[in-house]
Amino acid sequence: MANADHSSIQTRPSLLNRLSVGDDAEGWQEFYRVYGKLVRDFAIKAGLSDTEADDVVQETAIAVARHLPEFRYDPEVCRFKTWLLNQTSWRIKDQFRKRHRNERLQQGTAADANSP
């Protein structure tokens, strides 16, 4: 599946139901296997580093776990992949904010070190 085209990912409502009902370790392994690369590649293409992209995968999975019970799978209204990539996009924006905050902190620390 590593070389699979992301557009060929077929949503399995049975997997979504398993994940939304409760703690299903096998279901989450399946989720990461099916969707993890999609989320990571999306984050990399947005300009994140490998480490930041890995964080996005993890944070997106947490968000999915929290919000999936509210999600109603109806491909006529919103495809799961669209919903998932929206969740991912928000986590990517969070990573850019963290990056900029860290850069400002480092610049401030460097300025403090250079002042008399």
C-alpha atoms as a PDB file:
ATOM      1  CA  MET A   1       0.000   0.000   0.000  1.00  0.00           C
ATOM      2  CA  ALA A   2       2.993   2.294   0.388  1.00  0.00           C
ATOM      3  CA  ASN A   3       2.978   3.149  -3.322  1.00  0.00           C
ATOM      4  CA  ALA A   4      -0.786   3.326  -3.671  1.00  0.00           C
ATOM      5  CA  ASP A   5      -2.374   6.393  -5.212  1.00  0.00           C
ATOM      6  CA  HIS A   6      -4.175   8.367  -2.482  1.00  0.00           C
ATOM      7  CA  SER A   7      -7.156   8.923  -4.760  1.00  0.00           C
ATOM      8  CA  SER A   8      -7.735   5.185  -4.836  1.00  0.00           C
ATOM      9  CA  ILE A   9      -8.344   4.952  -1.087  1.00  0.00           C
ATOM     10  CA  GLN A  10     -11.836   3.620  -0.595  1.00  0.00           C
ATOM     11  CA  THR A  11     -13.639   4.608   2.567  1.00  0.00           C
ATOM     12  CA  ARG A  12     -14.847   1.630   4.535  1.00  0.00           C
ATOM     13  CA  PRO A  13     -17.871   2.614   6.612  1.00  0.00           C
ATOM     14  CA  SER A  14     -17.316  -0.503   8.724  1.00  0.00           C
ATOM     15  CA  LEU A  15     -13.902   0.830   9.798  1.00  0.00           C
ATOM     16  CA  LEU A  16     -15.364   4.248  10.608  1.00  0.00           C
ATOM     17  CA  ASN A  17     -18.073   2.586  12.697  1.00  0.00           C
ATOM     18  CA  ARG A  18     -15.514   0.481  14.573  1.00  0.00           C
ATOM     19  CA  LEU A  19     -13.454   3.562  15.398  1.00  0.00           C
ATOM     20  CA  SER A  20     -16.382   5.718  16.451  1.00  0.00           C
ATOM     21  CA  VAL A  21     -17.867   3.123  18.789  1.00  0.00           C
ATOM     22  CA  GLY A  22     -14.955   2.601  21.125  1.00  0.00           C
ATOM     23  CA  ASP A  23     -11.374   1.598  21.780  1.00  0.00           C
ATOM     24  CA  ASP A  24     -10.383  -0.688  18.904  1.00  0.00           C
ATOM     25  CA  ALA A  25      -6.593  -1.095  18.674  1.00  0.00           C
ATOM     26  CA  GLU A  26      -6.799  -3.170  15.501  1.00  0.00           C
ATOM     27  CA  GLY A  27      -9.112  -0.593  13.950  1.00  0.00           C
ATOM     28  CA  TRP A  28      -6.637   2.202  14.692  1.00  0.00           C
ATOM     29  CA  GLN A  29      -3.778   0.180  13.225  1.00  0.00           C
ATOM     30  CA  GLU A  30      -5.893  -0.218  10.111  1.00  0.00           C
ATOM     31  CA  PHE A  31      -6.635   3.527  10.119  1.00  0.00           C
ATOM     32  CA  TYR A  32      -2.905   4.367  10.251  1.00  0.00           C
ATOM     33  CA  ARG A  33      -2.176   1.802   7.538  1.00  0.00           C
ATOM     34  CA  VAL A  34      -4.860   3.187   5.230  1.00  0.00           C
ATOM     35  CA  TYR A  35      -4.760   6.920   5.992  1.00  0.00           C
ATOM     36  CA  GLY A  36      -1.437   7.643   7.721  1.00  0.00           C
ATOM     37  CA  LYS A  37       0.559   8.104   4.520  1.00  0.00           C
ATOM     38  CA  LEU A  38      -2.167  10.292   3.017  1.00  0.00           C
ATOM     39  CA  VAL A  39      -2.071  12.611   6.049  1.00  0.00           C
ATOM     40  CA  ARG A  40       1.745  12.645   6.200  1.00  0.00           C
ATOM     41  CA  ASP A  41       2.154  13.322   2.475  1.00  0.00           C
ATOM     42  CA  PHE A  42      -0.413  16.136   2.684  1.00  0.00           C
ATOM     43  CA  ALA A  43       1.589  17.714   5.527  1.00  0.00           C
ATOM     44  CA  ILE A  44       4.904  17.353   3.675  1.00  0.00           C
ATOM     45  CA  LYS A  45       3.427  18.928   0.532  1.00  0.00           C
ATOM     46  CA  ALA A  46       2.224  21.831   2.678  1.00  0.00           C
ATOM     47  CA  GLY A  47       5.843  22.541   3.613  1.00  0.00           C
ATOM     48  CA  LEU A  48       6.330  20.805   6.947  1.00  0.00           C
ATOM     49  CA  SER A  49       9.454  18.927   7.966  1.00  0.00           C
ATOM     50  CA  ASP A  50       9.379  15.160   8.477  1.00  0.00           C
ATOM     51  CA  THR A  51       9.141  15.606  12.247  1.00  0.00           C
ATOM     52  CA  GLU A  52       6.359  18.176  11.954  1.00  0.00           C
ATOM     53  CA  ALA A  53       4.499  15.910   9.505  1.00  0.00           C
ATOM     54  CA  ASP A  54       4.766  13.001  11.943  1.00  0.00           C
ATOM     55  CA  ASP A  55       3.280  15.248  14.636  1.00  0.00           C
ATOM     56  CA  VAL A  56       0.435  16.149  12.272  1.00  0.00           C
ATOM     57  CA  VAL A  57      -0.330  12.457  11.693  1.00  0.00           C
ATOM     58  CA  GLN A  58      -0.511  11.856  15.432  1.00  0.00           C
ATOM     59  CA  GLU A  59      -2.522  14.998  16.201  1.00  0.00           C
ATOM     60  CA  THR A  60      -4.914  14.308  13.325  1.00  0.00           C
ATOM     61  CA  ALA A  61      -5.548  10.787  14.614  1.00  0.00           C
ATOM     62  CA  ILE A  62      -6.328  12.238  18.050  1.00  0.00           C
ATOM     63  CA  ALA A  63      -8.731  14.733  16.465  1.00  0.00           C
ATOM     64  CA  VAL A  64     -10.376  11.971  14.444  1.00  0.00           C
ATOM     65  CA  ALA A  65     -10.835   9.918  17.597  1.00  0.00           C
ATOM     66  CA  ARG A  66     -12.507  12.882  19.300  1.00  0.00           C
ATOM     67  CA  HIS A  67     -14.719  13.995  16.418  1.00  0.00           C
ATOM     68  CA  LEU A  68     -15.512  10.784  14.529  1.00  0.00           C
ATOM     69  CA  PRO A  69     -18.567   9.970  16.669  1.00  0.00           C
ATOM     70  CA  GLU A  70     -20.108  13.242  15.420  1.00  0.00           C
ATOM     71  CA  PHE A  71     -19.155  12.635  11.771  1.00  0.00           C
ATOM     72  CA  ARG A  72     -21.946  11.216   9.611  1.00  0.00           C
ATOM     73  CA  TYR A  73     -20.551   9.392   6.628  1.00  0.00           C
ATOM     74  CA  ASP A  74     -22.598  10.434   3.619  1.00  0.00           C
ATOM     75  CA  PRO A  75     -20.480  10.659   0.455  1.00  0.00           C
ATOM     76  CA  GLU A  76     -23.180  12.801  -1.168  1.00  0.00           C
ATOM     77  CA  VAL A  77     -22.667  15.467   1.513  1.00  0.00           C
ATOM     78  CA  CYS A  78     -19.006  15.097   2.535  1.00  0.00           C
ATOM     79  CA  ARG A  79     -16.562  12.346   1.713  1.00  0.00           C
ATOM     80  CA  PHE A  80     -14.551  10.998   4.635  1.00  0.00           C
ATOM     81  CA  LYS A  81     -11.272  11.847   2.909  1.00  0.00           C
ATOM     82  CA  THR A  82     -12.395  15.480   2.558  1.00  0.00           C
ATOM     83  CA  TRP A  83     -13.321  15.607   6.244  1.00  0.00           C
ATOM     84  CA  LEU A  84     -10.021  13.944   7.191  1.00  0.00           C
ATOM     85  CA  LEU A  85      -7.957  16.370   5.118  1.00  0.00           C
ATOM     86  CA  ASN A  86      -9.822  19.282   6.712  1.00  0.00           C
ATOM     87  CA  GLN A  87      -8.822  17.893  10.112  1.00  0.00           C
ATOM     88  CA  THR A  88      -5.272  17.542   8.777  1.00  0.00           C
ATOM     89  CA  SER A  89      -5.214  21.082   7.399  1.00  0.00           C
ATOM     90  CA  TRP A  90      -6.048  22.524  10.804  1.00  0.00           C
ATOM     91  CA  ARG A  91      -3.194  20.532  12.395  1.00  0.00           C
ATOM     92  CA  ILE A  92      -0.816  21.724   9.670  1.00  0.00           C
ATOM     93  CA  LYS A  93      -1.732  25.330  10.487  1.00  0.00           C
ATOM     94  CA  ASP A  94      -1.072  24.577  14.161  1.00  0.00           C
ATOM     95  CA  GLN A  95       2.401  23.283  13.239  1.00  0.00           C
ATOM     96  CA  PHE A  96       3.204  26.449  11.280  1.00  0.00           C
ATOM     97  CA  ARG A  97       2.107  28.550  14.270  1.00  0.00           C
ATOM     98  CA  LYS A  98       4.380  26.481  16.548  1.00  0.00           C
ATOM     99  CA  ARG A  99       7.246  26.886  14.093  1.00  0.00           C
ATOM    100  CA  HIS A 100       6.841  30.655  13.932  1.00  0.00           C
ATOM    101  CA  ARG A 101       6.509  30.926  17.711  1.00  0.00           C
ATOM    102  CA  ASN A 102       9.719  28.898  18.158  1.00  0.00           C
ATOM    103  CA  GLU A 103      11.526  31.048  15.593  1.00  0.00           C
ATOM    104  CA  ARG A 104      10.480  34.219  17.429  1.00  0.00           C
ATOM    105  CA  LEU A 105      11.630  32.750  20.739  1.00  0.00           C
ATOM    106  CA  GLN A 106      14.991  31.787  19.248  1.00  0.00           C
ATOM    107  CA  GLN A 107      15.409  35.243  17.725  1.00  0.00           C
ATOM    108  CA  GLY A 108      14.561  36.811  21.072  1.00  0.00           C
ATOM    109  CA  THR A 109      17.053  34.580  22.870  1.00  0.00           C
ATOM    110  CA  ALA A 110      19.761  35.381  20.313  1.00  0.00           C
ATOM    111  CA  ALA A 111      19.052  39.122  20.643  1.00  0.00           C
ATOM    112  CA  ASP A 112      19.258  38.870  24.443  1.00  0.00           C
ATOM    113  CA  ALA A 113      22.593  37.036  24.217  1.00  0.00           C
ATOM    114  CA  ASN A 114      24.026  39.716  21.922  1.00  0.00           C
ATOM    115  CA  SER A 115      22.915  42.705  24.017  1.00  0.00           C
ATOM    116  CA  PRO A 116      25.480  44.289  26.395  1.00  0.00           C
END
